[in-house]
């Protein structure tokens, strides 16, 4: 199923990265997208901390925010405000990079669109969560979902907000950066020969997945999240869009946070 090809910087309307439904772009722009993705990620970490510190000042509790920045346990409002700052940095950065490099609308350029068939991603995400949780338990003896660090200290309305964000906001912002800006940039950075084509696609899927796993910062989940990231990249390459990956990502997260949400209101 082909994605929506874009002309000019992205090649002709029939130009796709070989073996995928991803519209091709020039190597120069691809490199800028990859570098931009790295800068966006780093900048979003700073924007998240900045928002958390500002909220701390507004609440008159800058000490708690400062303690959290230096690795201590922060209050729920710090976790939520830094997350909002990071997510805003992700989306704002992606839009800025695409506009500066192509002068085109960001979301169509990164493939952020949806079709009815993308709902199949829900089943894919649930199966992936079950399989990868089993793999993590087999290797480490436990799962300790990545959601634990996000939901710690939350209760009541705050817990509902963060859980809904993990289900509906995080999939969009993370797919936009990792499979949109970064993934598409990596795919177009090289022009491999036909004999090397398959290996290049595999490399991109594994590299994108590994980076996705690493940035989550939990060693026992590195393998599972890396494999899931690679799966999401494969979905993007196959469909030419991020829609199916967003639904898969949302279902993957939902299966982890809904039990937390239920337990928090039991």
Protein backbone atom coordinates (compact mmCIF):
# COMPACT_ATOMS: atom_id res chain seq x y z
CA UNK A 1 0.00 0.00 0.00
CA UNK A 2 1.73 3.14 -1.15
CA UNK A 3 1.98 6.28 0.92
CA UNK A 4 1.35 9.78 -0.38
CA UNK A 5 4.40 10.70 -2.44
CA UNK A 6 5.51 14.31 -2.53
CA UNK A 7 7.23 16.01 -5.50
CA UNK A 8 10.38 18.12 -5.81
CA UNK A 9 12.63 17.62 -2.77
CA UNK A 10 10.97 14.24 -2.28
CA UNK A 11 11.49 13.16 -5.88
CA UNK A 12 8.79 12.66 -8.48
CA UNK A 13 5.27 11.65 -7.50
CA UNK A 14 6.24 8.03 -8.26
CA UNK A 15 9.59 8.09 -6.44
CA UNK A 16 9.82 5.87 -3.38
CA UNK A 17 12.65 4.49 -1.30
CA UNK A 18 13.33 1.11 -2.92
CA UNK A 19 11.44 -1.71 -1.22
CA UNK A 20 9.16 0.60 0.75
CA UNK A 21 6.11 2.85 0.38
CA UNK A 22 8.11 5.81 1.74
CA UNK A 23 8.50 8.80 -0.63
CA UNK A 24 12.17 9.34 -1.45
CA UNK A 25 13.99 12.60 -0.77
CA UNK A 26 17.41 13.94 -1.59
CA UNK A 27 20.33 12.64 0.47
CA UNK A 28 21.10 16.21 1.61
CA UNK A 29 17.63 16.71 3.06
CA UNK A 30 17.65 13.21 4.55
CA UNK A 31 20.83 14.01 6.45
CA UNK A 32 19.31 17.22 7.76
CA UNK A 33 16.28 15.27 8.96
CA UNK A 34 18.46 12.78 10.84
CA UNK A 35 20.57 15.52 12.41
CA UNK A 36 17.41 17.48 13.13
CA UNK A 37 15.85 14.47 14.86
CA UNK A 38 18.87 14.19 17.16
CA UNK A 39 18.74 17.91 17.98
CA UNK A 40 14.98 17.80 18.51
CA UNK A 41 15.33 14.93 20.97
CA UNK A 42 18.08 16.69 22.93
CA UNK A 43 16.25 20.00 22.84
CA UNK A 44 13.04 18.40 24.06
CA UNK A 45 14.84 17.15 27.16
CA UNK A 46 15.86 20.71 27.94
CA UNK A 47 12.39 22.08 27.19
CA UNK A 48 10.88 19.48 29.51
CA UNK A 49 13.16 20.42 32.40
CA UNK A 50 12.58 24.12 31.73
CA UNK A 51 8.79 23.70 31.88
CA UNK A 52 9.11 21.66 35.09
CA UNK A 53 11.25 24.35 36.74
CA UNK A 54 8.89 27.11 35.63
CA UNK A 55 5.89 25.25 37.05
CA UNK A 56 7.86 24.76 40.28
CA UNK A 57 8.46 28.50 40.51
CA UNK A 58 4.78 29.24 39.84
CA UNK A 59 3.74 26.78 42.55
CA UNK A 60 6.33 28.10 44.97
CA UNK A 61 8.03 24.71 45.16
CA UNK A 62 11.20 25.21 43.15
CA UNK A 63 13.14 23.10 45.66
CA UNK A 64 11.19 19.96 44.77
CA UNK A 65 11.71 20.64 41.07
CA UNK A 66 15.43 21.16 41.57
CA UNK A 67 15.69 17.91 43.54
CA UNK A 68 13.92 16.02 40.76
CA UNK A 69 16.23 17.51 38.11
CA UNK A 70 19.23 16.18 40.03
CA UNK A 71 17.85 12.65 40.12
CA UNK A 72 15.61 12.73 43.17
CA UNK A 73 11.96 11.72 43.38
CA UNK A 74 9.87 14.58 42.05
CA UNK A 75 6.22 15.37 42.75
CA UNK A 76 3.51 14.38 40.31
CA UNK A 77 3.19 17.90 38.88
CA UNK A 78 6.89 17.91 37.96
CA UNK A 79 6.60 14.61 36.09
CA UNK A 80 3.53 15.84 34.20
CA UNK A 81 4.89 19.29 33.38
CA UNK A 82 8.25 17.98 32.16
CA UNK A 83 6.44 15.42 30.02
CA UNK A 84 4.31 18.16 28.45
CA UNK A 85 7.45 20.20 27.81
CA UNK A 86 9.12 17.22 26.13
CA UNK A 87 6.10 16.37 23.99
CA UNK A 88 5.75 19.98 22.88
CA UNK A 89 9.45 19.98 22.01
CA UNK A 90 9.03 16.81 19.96
CA UNK A 91 6.16 18.12 17.86
CA UNK A 92 7.42 21.68 17.61
CA UNK A 93 10.88 20.49 16.64
CA UNK A 94 9.61 18.09 13.97
CA UNK A 95 7.45 20.82 12.42
CA UNK A 96 10.36 23.28 12.48
CA UNK A 97 12.86 20.89 10.88
CA UNK A 98 10.49 19.87 8.09
CA UNK A 99 9.47 23.45 7.34
CA UNK A 100 13.07 24.68 7.28
CA UNK A 101 14.29 21.87 5.02
CA UNK A 102 11.39 21.46 2.61
CA UNK A 103 9.03 24.45 3.00
CA UNK A 104 6.22 21.90 3.10
CA UNK A 105 3.52 21.01 5.66
CA UNK A 106 5.14 18.84 8.33
CA UNK A 107 2.55 16.17 9.03
CA UNK A 108 1.95 15.02 5.42
CA UNK A 109 5.72 15.09 4.87
CA UNK A 110 6.41 12.69 7.74
CA UNK A 111 3.45 10.50 6.83
CA UNK A 112 1.21 11.35 9.78
CA UNK A 113 -2.11 10.34 8.25
CA UNK A 114 -4.69 7.65 8.94
CA UNK A 115 -6.82 5.17 7.03
CA UNK A 116 -9.34 2.60 8.20
CA UNK A 117 -6.87 -0.25 7.66
CA UNK A 118 -4.58 1.35 10.24
CA UNK A 119 -6.90 0.05 12.98
CA UNK A 120 -5.17 -3.29 12.44
CA UNK A 121 -2.35 -1.70 14.42
CA UNK A 122 -4.39 -2.20 17.61
CA UNK A 123 -4.11 -5.98 17.29
CA UNK A 124 -0.45 -5.70 16.36
CA UNK A 125 0.29 -3.61 19.43
CA UNK A 126 -1.51 -5.96 21.80
CA UNK A 127 0.24 -9.03 20.40
CA UNK A 128 3.59 -7.23 20.59
CA UNK A 129 3.01 -6.29 24.24
CA UNK A 130 2.13 -9.87 25.16
CA UNK A 131 5.08 -11.36 23.27
CA UNK A 132 7.69 -8.84 24.39
CA UNK A 133 6.51 -8.88 28.01
CA UNK A 134 6.97 -12.65 27.93
CA UNK A 135 10.45 -12.21 26.47
CA UNK A 136 11.42 -9.65 29.12
CA UNK A 137 10.12 -11.88 31.91
CA UNK A 138 12.03 -14.84 30.46
CA UNK A 139 15.30 -12.89 30.35
CA UNK A 140 15.04 -10.73 33.49
CA UNK A 141 12.43 -12.51 35.60
CA UNK A 142 10.10 -9.50 35.64
CA UNK A 143 8.66 -6.87 33.33
CA UNK A 144 8.39 -3.66 35.39
CA UNK A 145 6.78 -1.72 32.57
CA UNK A 146 8.21 1.60 31.43
CA UNK A 147 4.95 3.17 32.62
CA UNK A 148 6.05 2.72 36.25
CA UNK A 149 8.39 5.70 36.15
CA UNK A 150 5.65 7.84 34.57
CA UNK A 151 2.84 6.93 36.96
CA UNK A 152 4.80 6.89 40.23
CA UNK A 153 3.33 9.40 42.68
CA UNK A 154 0.14 9.92 40.67
CA UNK A 155 -3.35 9.34 42.00
CA UNK A 156 -6.90 10.42 41.27
CA UNK A 157 -7.29 12.85 38.38
CA UNK A 158 -3.55 13.15 37.90
CA UNK A 159 -3.24 9.41 37.30
CA UNK A 160 -6.05 9.52 34.74
CA UNK A 161 -4.41 12.41 32.88
CA UNK A 162 -0.97 10.79 32.67
CA UNK A 163 -2.41 7.40 31.66
CA UNK A 164 -4.54 8.94 28.91
CA UNK A 165 -1.50 10.89 27.74
CA UNK A 166 0.56 7.71 27.53
CA UNK A 167 -2.18 6.09 25.46
CA UNK A 168 -3.10 8.94 23.11
CA UNK A 169 -0.41 11.64 23.13
CA UNK A 170 2.86 9.72 23.42
CA UNK A 171 2.20 7.45 20.39
CA UNK A 172 1.67 10.46 18.12
CA UNK A 173 4.66 12.49 19.29
CA UNK A 174 7.09 9.55 19.43
CA UNK A 175 6.05 8.16 16.04
CA UNK A 176 6.40 11.64 14.53
CA UNK A 177 10.01 11.85 15.69
CA UNK A 178 11.32 8.28 15.54
CA UNK A 179 9.51 6.84 12.52
CA UNK A 180 8.68 10.14 10.85
CA UNK A 181 11.64 12.51 10.95
CA UNK A 182 14.36 10.04 11.97
CA UNK A 183 13.12 6.91 10.20
CA UNK A 184 12.42 8.59 6.87
CA UNK A 185 15.70 10.45 7.02
CA UNK A 186 17.66 7.25 7.61
CA UNK A 187 15.91 5.49 4.74
CA UNK A 188 16.89 8.19 2.24
CA UNK A 189 20.41 8.85 3.53
CA UNK A 190 21.95 6.19 1.28
CA UNK A 191 21.33 4.99 -2.24
CA UNK A 192 22.26 1.32 -1.86
CA UNK A 193 22.66 -0.96 -4.84
CA UNK A 194 19.84 -3.39 -5.58
CA UNK A 195 21.83 -6.28 -4.06
CA UNK A 196 22.28 -4.30 -0.84
CA UNK A 197 18.75 -2.93 -0.72
CA UNK A 198 17.23 -5.47 1.69
CA UNK A 199 20.14 -5.25 4.09
CA UNK A 200 19.85 -1.45 4.19
CA UNK A 201 16.15 -1.62 5.07
CA UNK A 202 16.88 -4.16 7.82
CA UNK A 203 19.66 -1.95 9.15
CA UNK A 204 17.38 1.11 9.27
CA UNK A 205 14.64 -0.82 11.07
CA UNK A 206 17.10 -2.19 13.66
CA UNK A 207 18.92 1.14 14.10
CA UNK A 208 15.71 3.10 14.52
CA UNK A 209 14.41 0.48 16.94
CA UNK A 210 17.64 0.46 18.96
CA UNK A 211 17.61 4.23 19.34
CA UNK A 212 13.98 4.06 20.40
CA UNK A 213 14.87 1.49 23.05
CA UNK A 214 17.95 3.35 24.30
CA UNK A 215 16.24 6.70 24.84
CA UNK A 216 13.68 5.12 27.17
CA UNK A 217 16.55 4.58 29.59
CA UNK A 218 15.60 1.26 31.17
CA UNK A 219 18.12 -1.51 30.63
CA UNK A 220 15.78 -4.42 31.30
CA UNK A 221 13.36 -3.08 28.65
CA UNK A 222 16.02 -2.25 26.06
CA UNK A 223 15.61 -5.45 24.04
CA UNK A 224 11.80 -5.40 24.08
CA UNK A 225 11.47 -1.71 23.21
CA UNK A 226 14.13 -1.97 20.52
CA UNK A 227 12.27 -4.84 18.86
CA UNK A 228 8.99 -2.95 19.15
CA UNK A 229 10.59 0.15 17.64
CA UNK A 230 11.89 -1.95 14.74
CA UNK A 231 8.39 -3.37 14.24
CA UNK A 232 6.93 0.14 14.13
CA UNK A 233 9.53 1.14 11.56
CA UNK A 234 8.59 -1.86 9.42
CA UNK A 235 4.92 -0.83 9.59
CA UNK A 236 5.88 2.65 8.42
CA UNK A 237 7.96 1.28 5.54
CA UNK A 238 5.16 -1.08 4.49
CA UNK A 239 2.28 1.41 4.60
CA UNK A 240 4.10 4.66 3.85
CA UNK A 241 2.30 6.28 6.79
CA UNK A 242 2.55 6.51 10.55
CA UNK A 243 -1.12 5.75 11.19
CA UNK A 244 -0.86 2.00 11.75
CA UNK A 245 2.19 2.49 13.96
CA UNK A 246 0.38 5.09 16.04
CA UNK A 247 -2.48 2.67 16.71
CA UNK A 248 -0.04 -0.15 17.48
CA UNK A 249 1.92 2.12 19.82
CA UNK A 250 -1.29 3.26 21.53
CA UNK A 251 -2.48 -0.32 22.07
CA UNK A 252 0.97 -1.35 23.31
CA UNK A 253 0.95 1.46 25.89
CA UNK A 254 -2.71 0.97 26.80
CA UNK A 255 -2.18 -2.67 27.71
CA UNK A 256 0.47 -1.53 30.18
CA UNK A 257 -1.24 1.52 31.72
CA UNK A 258 -4.84 0.31 32.01
CA UNK A 259 -3.94 -2.18 34.79
CA UNK A 260 -2.11 0.68 36.56
CA UNK A 261 -5.16 2.90 36.17
CA UNK A 262 -7.49 0.20 37.49
CA UNK A 263 -5.21 -0.54 40.45
CA UNK A 264 -4.98 3.16 41.26
CA UNK A 265 -8.76 3.44 41.52
CA UNK A 266 -9.49 0.08 43.11
